[in-house]
C-alpha atoms as a PDB file:
ATOM      1  CA  MET A   1       0.021   0.018  -0.009  1.00  0.00           C
ATOM      2  CA  VAL A   2       2.857   2.421   0.864  1.00  0.00           C
ATOM      3  CA  TYR A   3       4.513   1.582  -2.463  1.00  0.00           C
ATOM      4  CA  VAL A   4       1.385   2.322  -4.436  1.00  0.00           C
ATOM      5  CA  MET A   5       0.874   5.695  -2.537  1.00  0.00           C
ATOM      6  CA  GLU A   6       4.470   6.650  -3.306  1.00  0.00           C
ATOM      7  CA  GLN A   7       4.062   5.816  -6.953  1.00  0.00           C
ATOM      8  CA  ILE A   8       0.926   7.971  -7.260  1.00  0.00           C
ATOM      9  CA  LEU A   9       1.998  10.849  -4.990  1.00  0.00           C
ATOM     10  CA  PHE A  10       5.532  11.404  -6.284  1.00  0.00           C
ATOM     11  CA  GLY A  11       4.463  10.720  -9.803  1.00  0.00           C
ATOM     12  CA  ALA A  12       1.804  13.431  -9.560  1.00  0.00           C
ATOM     13  CA  LEU A  13       4.041  15.924  -7.821  1.00  0.00           C
ATOM     14  CA  VAL A  14       7.056  15.536 -10.112  1.00  0.00           C
ATOM     15  CA  GLY A  15       4.838  15.497 -13.247  1.00  0.00           C
ATOM     16  CA  GLY A  16       2.941  18.542 -12.189  1.00  0.00           C
ATOM     17  CA  ALA A  17       6.119  20.454 -11.375  1.00  0.00           C
ATOM     18  CA  VAL A  18       7.740  19.527 -14.696  1.00  0.00           C
ATOM     19  CA  GLY A  19       4.625  20.512 -16.670  1.00  0.00           C
ATOM     20  CA  TYR A  20       4.095  23.808 -14.874  1.00  0.00           C
ATOM     21  CA  PHE A  21       7.751  25.066 -14.740  1.00  0.00           C
ATOM     22  CA  GLY A  22       8.549  23.615 -18.146  1.00  0.00           C
ATOM     23  CA  THR A  23       5.860  25.626 -19.857  1.00  0.00           C
ATOM     24  CA  LYS A  24       6.890  28.743 -17.914  1.00  0.00           C
ATOM     25  CA  LEU A  25      10.471  28.307 -19.064  1.00  0.00           C
ATOM     26  CA  GLN A  26       9.246  27.722 -22.656  1.00  0.00           C
ATOM     27  CA  THR A  27       7.218  30.967 -22.671  1.00  0.00           C
ATOM     28  CA  PHE A  28      10.082  32.899 -21.061  1.00  0.00           C
ATOM     29  CA  CYS A  29      12.605  31.696 -23.682  1.00  0.00           C
ATOM     30  CA  PHE A  30      10.245  32.208 -26.641  1.00  0.00           C
ATOM     31  CA  LYS A  31       9.275  35.720 -25.677  1.00  0.00           C
ATOM     32  CA  ARG A  32      12.947  36.663 -25.411  1.00  0.00           C
ATOM     33  CA  ASP A  33      13.917  35.125 -28.773  1.00  0.00           C
ATOM     34  CA  GLY A  34      15.696  32.242 -27.023  1.00  0.00           C
ATOM     35  CA  MET A  35      13.781  29.647 -28.956  1.00  0.00           C
ATOM     36  CA  VAL A  36      12.582  29.445 -32.553  1.00  0.00           C
ATOM     37  CA  GLU A  37       8.945  28.445 -33.127  1.00  0.00           C
ATOM     38  CA  THR A  38       9.963  25.373 -35.108  1.00  0.00           C
ATOM     39  CA  TYR A  39      10.992  23.607 -31.910  1.00  0.00           C
ATOM     40  CA  LEU A  40       7.898  24.441 -29.853  1.00  0.00           C
ATOM     41  CA  ASN A  41       6.140  21.251 -31.028  1.00  0.00           C
ATOM     42  CA  LEU A  42       8.886  19.171 -29.502  1.00  0.00           C
ATOM     43  CA  ILE A  43       8.369  20.613 -26.035  1.00  0.00           C
ATOM     44  CA  PRO A  44       5.422  18.290 -25.103  1.00  0.00           C
ATOM     45  CA  ILE A  45       7.393  15.060 -25.762  1.00  0.00           C
ATOM     46  CA  ALA A  46      10.489  16.512 -24.025  1.00  0.00           C
ATOM     47  CA  LEU A  47       8.461  17.360 -20.882  1.00  0.00           C
ATOM     48  CA  ALA A  48       6.768  13.870 -20.853  1.00  0.00           C
ATOM     49  CA  ILE A  49      10.214  12.147 -21.112  1.00  0.00           C
ATOM     50  CA  LEU A  50      11.716  14.412 -18.442  1.00  0.00           C
ATOM     51  CA  ALA A  51       8.808  13.907 -16.111  1.00  0.00           C
ATOM     52  CA  PHE A  52       8.934  10.115 -16.608  1.00  0.00           C
ATOM     53  CA  TYR A  53      12.593   9.734 -15.697  1.00  0.00           C
ATOM     54  CA  LEU A  54      12.555  12.258 -12.837  1.00  0.00           C
ATOM     55  CA  ALA A  55       9.602  10.488 -11.248  1.00  0.00           C
ATOM     56  CA  GLU A  56      11.260   7.139 -11.589  1.00  0.00           C
ATOM     57  CA  ALA A  57      14.379   8.549  -9.901  1.00  0.00           C
ATOM     58  CA  PHE A  58      12.257   9.799  -6.995  1.00  0.00           C
ATOM     59  CA  SER A  59      10.245   6.526  -6.484  1.00  0.00           C
ATOM     60  CA  GLY A  60       7.282   7.838  -8.392  1.00  0.00           C
ATOM     61  CA  ASN A  61       5.335   6.289 -11.357  1.00  0.00           C
ATOM     62  CA  GLY A  62       6.713   7.627 -14.654  1.00  0.00           C
ATOM     63  CA  PHE A  63       3.422   7.256 -16.542  1.00  0.00           C
ATOM     64  CA  ILE A  64       1.462   9.113 -13.893  1.00  0.00           C
ATOM     65  CA  ALA A  65       4.183  11.797 -14.009  1.00  0.00           C
ATOM     66  CA  ALA A  66       3.979  12.134 -17.803  1.00  0.00           C
ATOM     67  CA  PHE A  67       0.187  12.388 -17.620  1.00  0.00           C
ATOM     68  CA  PHE A  68       0.352  15.155 -14.958  1.00  0.00           C
ATOM     69  CA  ALA A  69       3.068  16.996 -16.909  1.00  0.00           C
ATOM     70  CA  GLY A  70       0.712  17.151 -19.955  1.00  0.00           C
ATOM     71  CA  LEU A  71      -2.235  18.063 -17.723  1.00  0.00           C
ATOM     72  CA  TYR A  72      -0.406  20.995 -16.060  1.00  0.00           C
ATOM     73  CA  ALA A  73       1.185  22.107 -19.342  1.00  0.00           C
ATOM     74  CA  GLY A  74      -2.095  22.161 -21.180  1.00  0.00           C
ATOM     75  CA  ASN A  75      -4.076  23.889 -18.476  1.00  0.00           C
ATOM     76  CA  THR A  76      -1.564  26.515 -17.388  1.00  0.00           C
ATOM     77  CA  SER A  77      -0.244  27.678 -20.725  1.00  0.00           C
ATOM     78  CA  LYS A  78      -2.283  28.609 -23.793  1.00  0.00           C
ATOM     79  CA  MET A  79       0.860  28.397 -25.960  1.00  0.00           C
ATOM     80  CA  ALA A  80       1.673  24.939 -24.690  1.00  0.00           C
ATOM     81  CA  ARG A  81      -1.897  23.762 -25.163  1.00  0.00           C
ATOM     82  CA  GLY A  82      -1.840  24.669 -28.827  1.00  0.00           C
ATOM     83  CA  HIS A  83       1.443  22.921 -29.454  1.00  0.00           C
ATOM     84  CA  ILE A  84       0.348  19.791 -27.508  1.00  0.00           C
ATOM     85  CA  LYS A  85      -2.623  19.644 -29.901  1.00  0.00           C
ATOM     86  CA  ASP A  86      -0.370  20.169 -32.879  1.00  0.00           C
ATOM     87  CA  PHE A  87       2.030  17.488 -31.672  1.00  0.00           C
ATOM     88  CA  ALA A  88      -0.796  14.970 -31.151  1.00  0.00           C
ATOM     89  CA  GLU A  89      -2.079  15.556 -34.677  1.00  0.00           C
ATOM     90  CA  SER A  90       1.293  15.340 -36.468  1.00  0.00           C
ATOM     91  CA  GLU A  91       4.435  14.030 -34.723  1.00  0.00           C
ATOM     92  CA  GLY A  92       2.249  12.041 -32.288  1.00  0.00           C
ATOM     93  CA  GLU A  93       0.393  10.258 -35.043  1.00  0.00           C
ATOM     94  CA  LEU A  94       3.705   9.378 -36.731  1.00  0.00           C
ATOM     95  CA  LEU A  95       5.078   7.866 -33.479  1.00  0.00           C
ATOM     96  CA  VAL A  96       1.833   5.781 -33.148  1.00  0.00           C
ATOM     97  CA  LEU A  97       2.243   4.442 -36.668  1.00  0.00           C
ATOM     98  CA  ILE A  98       5.896   3.563 -36.000  1.00  0.00           C
ATOM     99  CA  SER A  99       4.895   1.794 -32.811  1.00  0.00           C
ATOM    100  CA  PHE A 100       2.265  -0.257 -34.640  1.00  0.00           C
ATOM    101  CA  PHE A 101       4.773  -1.075 -37.388  1.00  0.00           C
ATOM    102  CA  ILE A 102       7.261  -2.431 -34.791  1.00  0.00           C
ATOM    103  CA  PHE A 103       4.414  -4.264 -33.133  1.00  0.00           C
ATOM    104  CA  GLY A 104       3.501  -6.087 -36.291  1.00  0.00           C
ATOM    105  CA  LEU A 105       7.143  -6.701 -37.231  1.00  0.00           C
ATOM    106  CA  ALA A 106       8.271  -8.081 -33.843  1.00  0.00           C
ATOM    107  CA  PHE A 107       5.403  -8.886 -31.491  1.00  0.00           C
ATOM    108  CA  VAL A 108       3.051 -10.817 -33.717  1.00  0.00           C
ATOM    109  CA  PRO A 109       5.447 -13.363 -35.155  1.00  0.00           C
ATOM    110  CA  MET A 110       6.864 -14.102 -31.644  1.00  0.00           C
ATOM    111  CA  THR A 111       3.451 -14.877 -30.104  1.00  0.00           C
ATOM    112  CA  LEU A 112       1.877 -16.918 -33.034  1.00  0.00           C
ATOM    113  CA  PRO A 113       2.968 -20.265 -31.552  1.00  0.00           C
ATOM    114  CA  TYR A 114       1.101 -19.455 -28.300  1.00  0.00           C
ATOM    115  CA  VAL A 115      -2.215 -18.341 -29.856  1.00  0.00           C
ATOM    116  CA  THR A 116      -5.002 -20.815 -28.802  1.00  0.00           C
ATOM    117  CA  VAL A 117      -8.813 -20.784 -28.993  1.00  0.00           C
ATOM    118  CA  GLU A 118      -8.848 -19.617 -25.340  1.00  0.00           C
ATOM    119  CA  VAL A 119      -6.498 -16.791 -26.133  1.00  0.00           C
ATOM    120  CA  MET A 120      -8.656 -15.683 -29.106  1.00  0.00           C
ATOM    121  CA  LEU A 121     -11.819 -15.849 -27.019  1.00  0.00           C
ATOM    122  CA  TYR A 122     -10.403 -13.846 -24.151  1.00  0.00           C
ATOM    123  CA  ALA A 123      -8.895 -11.267 -26.565  1.00  0.00           C
ATOM    124  CA  LEU A 124     -12.306 -10.846 -28.196  1.00  0.00           C
ATOM    125  CA  LEU A 125     -13.919 -10.304 -24.760  1.00  0.00           C
ATOM    126  CA  SER A 126     -11.153  -7.851 -23.849  1.00  0.00           C
ATOM    127  CA  LEU A 127     -11.814  -5.895 -27.042  1.00  0.00           C
ATOM    128  CA  THR A 128     -15.564  -5.706 -26.399  1.00  0.00           C
ATOM    129  CA  LEU A 129     -17.385  -6.535 -23.191  1.00  0.00           C
ATOM    130  CA  LEU A 130     -14.498  -6.375 -20.677  1.00  0.00           C
ATOM    131  CA  ARG A 131     -13.369  -2.991 -22.014  1.00  0.00           C
ATOM    132  CA  MET A 132     -16.624  -1.337 -23.081  1.00  0.00           C
ATOM    133  CA  LEU A 133     -18.731  -2.224 -20.071  1.00  0.00           C
ATOM    134  CA  PRO A 134     -16.590  -0.323 -17.504  1.00  0.00           C
ATOM    135  CA  VAL A 135     -16.552   2.686 -19.711  1.00  0.00           C
ATOM    136  CA  MET A 136     -20.324   2.606 -20.102  1.00  0.00           C
ATOM    137  CA  ILE A 137     -20.757   2.288 -16.307  1.00  0.00           C
ATOM    138  CA  SER A 138     -18.364   5.123 -15.622  1.00  0.00           C
ATOM    139  CA  LEU A 139     -20.442   7.462 -17.842  1.00  0.00           C
ATOM    140  CA  ILE A 140     -23.725   6.774 -15.989  1.00  0.00           C
ATOM    141  CA  GLY A 141     -24.984  10.017 -14.567  1.00  0.00           C
ATOM    142  CA  THR A 142     -23.481  12.165 -17.266  1.00  0.00           C
ATOM    143  CA  LYS A 143     -25.628  14.169 -19.723  1.00  0.00           C
ATOM    144  CA  LEU A 144     -24.261  12.121 -22.657  1.00  0.00           C
ATOM    145  CA  ASP A 145     -26.854  10.205 -24.629  1.00  0.00           C
ATOM    146  CA  LEU A 146     -26.702   6.449 -25.290  1.00  0.00           C
ATOM    147  CA  SER A 147     -25.064   6.738 -28.737  1.00  0.00           C
ATOM    148  CA  THR A 148     -22.305   8.962 -27.438  1.00  0.00           C
ATOM    149  CA  ARG A 149     -21.614   6.693 -24.427  1.00  0.00           C
ATOM    150  CA  ALA A 150     -21.482   3.702 -26.831  1.00  0.00           C
ATOM    151  CA  PHE A 151     -19.231   5.647 -29.219  1.00  0.00           C
ATOM    152  CA  ILE A 152     -16.779   6.522 -26.413  1.00  0.00           C
ATOM    153  CA  ALA A 153     -16.876   2.936 -25.081  1.00  0.00           C
ATOM    154  CA  TRP A 154     -16.014   1.497 -28.486  1.00  0.00           C
ATOM    155  CA  PHE A 155     -13.192   3.926 -29.293  1.00  0.00           C
ATOM    156  CA  GLY A 156     -11.925   4.175 -25.724  1.00  0.00           C
ATOM    157  CA  PRO A 157      -8.531   3.107 -24.327  1.00  0.00           C
ATOM    158  CA  ARG A 158      -6.835   0.701 -26.666  1.00  0.00           C
ATOM    159  CA  GLY A 159      -3.716  -0.246 -28.649  1.00  0.00           C
ATOM    160  CA  ILE A 160      -0.480   1.416 -27.639  1.00  0.00           C
ATOM    161  CA  ALA A 161      -1.089   1.411 -23.869  1.00  0.00           C
ATOM    162  CA  SER A 162      -1.578  -2.384 -23.859  1.00  0.00           C
ATOM    163  CA  ILE A 163       1.736  -2.901 -25.592  1.00  0.00           C
ATOM    164  CA  LEU A 164       3.458  -0.675 -23.150  1.00  0.00           C
ATOM    165  CA  TYR A 165       1.894  -2.392 -20.105  1.00  0.00           C
ATOM    166  CA  VAL A 166       2.957  -5.859 -21.229  1.00  0.00           C
ATOM    167  CA  LEU A 167       6.513  -4.700 -21.747  1.00  0.00           C
ATOM    168  CA  ILE A 168       6.551  -3.210 -18.261  1.00  0.00           C
ATOM    169  CA  VAL A 169       5.304  -6.532 -16.836  1.00  0.00           C
ATOM    170  CA  ALA A 170       8.011  -8.331 -18.783  1.00  0.00           C
ATOM    171  CA  HIS A 171      10.634  -5.969 -17.447  1.00  0.00           C
ATOM    172  CA  GLU A 172       9.454  -6.030 -13.845  1.00  0.00           C
ATOM    173  CA  MET A 173       8.514  -9.724 -13.522  1.00  0.00           C
ATOM    174  CA  GLY A 174      11.057 -11.294 -15.794  1.00  0.00           C
ATOM    175  CA  SER A 175      10.482 -14.864 -16.892  1.00  0.00           C
ATOM    176  CA  ILE A 176       7.432 -16.325 -15.103  1.00  0.00           C
ATOM    177  CA  LYS A 177       5.339 -19.326 -15.801  1.00  0.00           C
ATOM    178  CA  GLY A 178       2.535 -18.649 -18.238  1.00  0.00           C
ATOM    179  CA  PHE A 179       3.893 -15.329 -19.379  1.00  0.00           C
ATOM    180  CA  GLU A 180       3.692 -16.527 -23.007  1.00  0.00           C
ATOM    181  CA  THR A 181      -0.093 -16.798 -22.671  1.00  0.00           C
ATOM    182  CA  LEU A 182      -0.334 -13.266 -21.236  1.00  0.00           C
ATOM    183  CA  TYR A 183       1.869 -11.994 -24.018  1.00  0.00           C
ATOM    184  CA  ALA A 184      -0.279 -13.748 -26.631  1.00  0.00           C
ATOM    185  CA  VAL A 185      -3.545 -12.346 -25.212  1.00  0.00           C
ATOM    186  CA  VAL A 186      -2.240  -8.760 -25.342  1.00  0.00           C
ATOM    187  CA  THR A 187      -0.803  -9.227 -28.814  1.00  0.00           C
ATOM    188  CA  VAL A 188      -4.047 -10.755 -30.303  1.00  0.00           C
ATOM    189  CA  THR A 189      -6.166  -8.102 -28.512  1.00  0.00           C
ATOM    190  CA  VAL A 190      -4.113  -5.220 -29.927  1.00  0.00           C
ATOM    191  CA  LEU A 191      -4.067  -6.839 -33.359  1.00  0.00           C
ATOM    192  CA  MET A 192      -7.947  -7.245 -33.239  1.00  0.00           C
ATOM    193  CA  SER A 193      -8.166  -3.628 -32.091  1.00  0.00           C
ATOM    194  CA  ILE A 194      -6.039  -2.315 -34.987  1.00  0.00           C
ATOM    195  CA  LEU A 195      -8.286  -4.139 -37.495  1.00  0.00           C
ATOM    196  CA  ALA A 196     -11.700  -3.551 -35.810  1.00  0.00           C
ATOM    197  CA  HIS A 197     -11.196   0.069 -34.846  1.00  0.00           C
ATOM    198  CA  GLY A 198      -9.304   0.892 -38.013  1.00  0.00           C
ATOM    199  CA  LEU A 199     -12.103  -0.471 -40.241  1.00  0.00           C
ATOM    200  CA  SER A 200     -14.960   0.988 -38.162  1.00  0.00           C
ATOM    201  CA  ALA A 201     -13.489   4.456 -37.414  1.00  0.00           C
ATOM    202  CA  GLN A 202     -14.622   6.362 -40.519  1.00  0.00           C
ATOM    203  CA  PRO A 203     -18.052   4.693 -40.954  1.00  0.00           C
ATOM    204  CA  LEU A 204     -18.959   5.091 -37.293  1.00  0.00           C
ATOM    205  CA  ALA A 205     -17.641   8.661 -37.175  1.00  0.00           C
ATOM    206  CA  ASN A 206     -19.784   9.558 -40.206  1.00  0.00           C
ATOM    207  CA  TRP A 207     -22.804   7.848 -38.680  1.00  0.00           C
ATOM    208  CA  TYR A 208     -22.307   9.570 -35.354  1.00  0.00           C
ATOM    209  CA  ALA A 209     -21.896  12.999 -37.004  1.00  0.00           C
ATOM    210  CA  LYS A 210     -25.000  12.491 -39.209  1.00  0.00           C
ATOM    211  CA  ARG A 211     -27.066  11.284 -36.236  1.00  0.00           C
ATOM    212  CA  HIS A 212     -26.215  14.348 -34.081  1.00  0.00           C
ATOM    213  CA  ARG A 213     -26.613  16.826 -36.868  1.00  0.00           C
ATOM    214  CA  GLN A 214     -30.165  15.557 -37.262  1.00  0.00           C
ATOM    215  CA  GLY A 215     -30.798  15.543 -33.506  1.00  0.00           C
ATOM    216  CA  GLU A 216     -32.694  12.245 -33.600  1.00  0.00           C
ATOM    217  CA  PRO A 217     -33.919  10.956 -30.232  1.00  0.00           C
ATOM    218  CA  ASP A 218     -31.927   8.083 -28.825  1.00  0.00           C
ATOM    219  CA  ALA A 219     -33.130   4.568 -28.079  1.00  0.00           C
ATOM    220  CA  ASP A 220     -33.654   5.570 -24.434  1.00  0.00           C
ATOM    221  CA  GLY A 221     -35.820   8.476 -25.340  1.00  0.00           C
ATOM    222  CA  GLU A 222     -33.226  11.103 -24.793  1.00  0.00           C
ATOM    223  CA  ASP A 223     -32.335  13.794 -27.290  1.00  0.00           C
ATOM    224  CA  SER A 224     -29.101  12.717 -29.101  1.00  0.00           C
ATOM    225  CA  LYS A 225     -27.642  16.223 -28.958  1.00  0.00           C
ATOM    226  CA  VAL A 226     -24.785  16.500 -26.472  1.00  0.00           C
END
């Protein structure tokens, strides 16, 4: 319990400090011609990496730190917020595509021998019910209509995070019995996610946009306008 609290507390503190002071330093340098605008889009990833390693050095969780760094940077600096958005839409997308390329090149061939019917079934459940249901439950009480809640649940957390988590487990736990099965489940789930979400993204986005433009009532009788 103490370990978990340290991870959360120090991760949040270090991340918040890096995000806040990092953006202040960015603004200071830019206004005094100490930095050219071309490099501003690199600040978000630099702050995330710095927050991660500083938090790990102080017994905090690096991922929580990176999250808080982005949270503070985006909410305390209008300049940083704009460049975080630009990074996510350009360099961030490129990094995601590179990650998926490496995933397909290295992860998938390694886990094919361990893919079984049970692995496929659990991966399918992870992609649908086990992932979507908690999201739907968490949105109960919001003013979002049913179609919006379902849309968020389907396109919610997926992909890159799962790859990262299994690598962390591999690093922290080392070689343990049954790890091949865990590795195979994550790999198959991510592979299914790439195919299912990739194929459904544009059609469902078009359907959702059309539905909300028309303002049709939802299945539960609520207005579909958010």
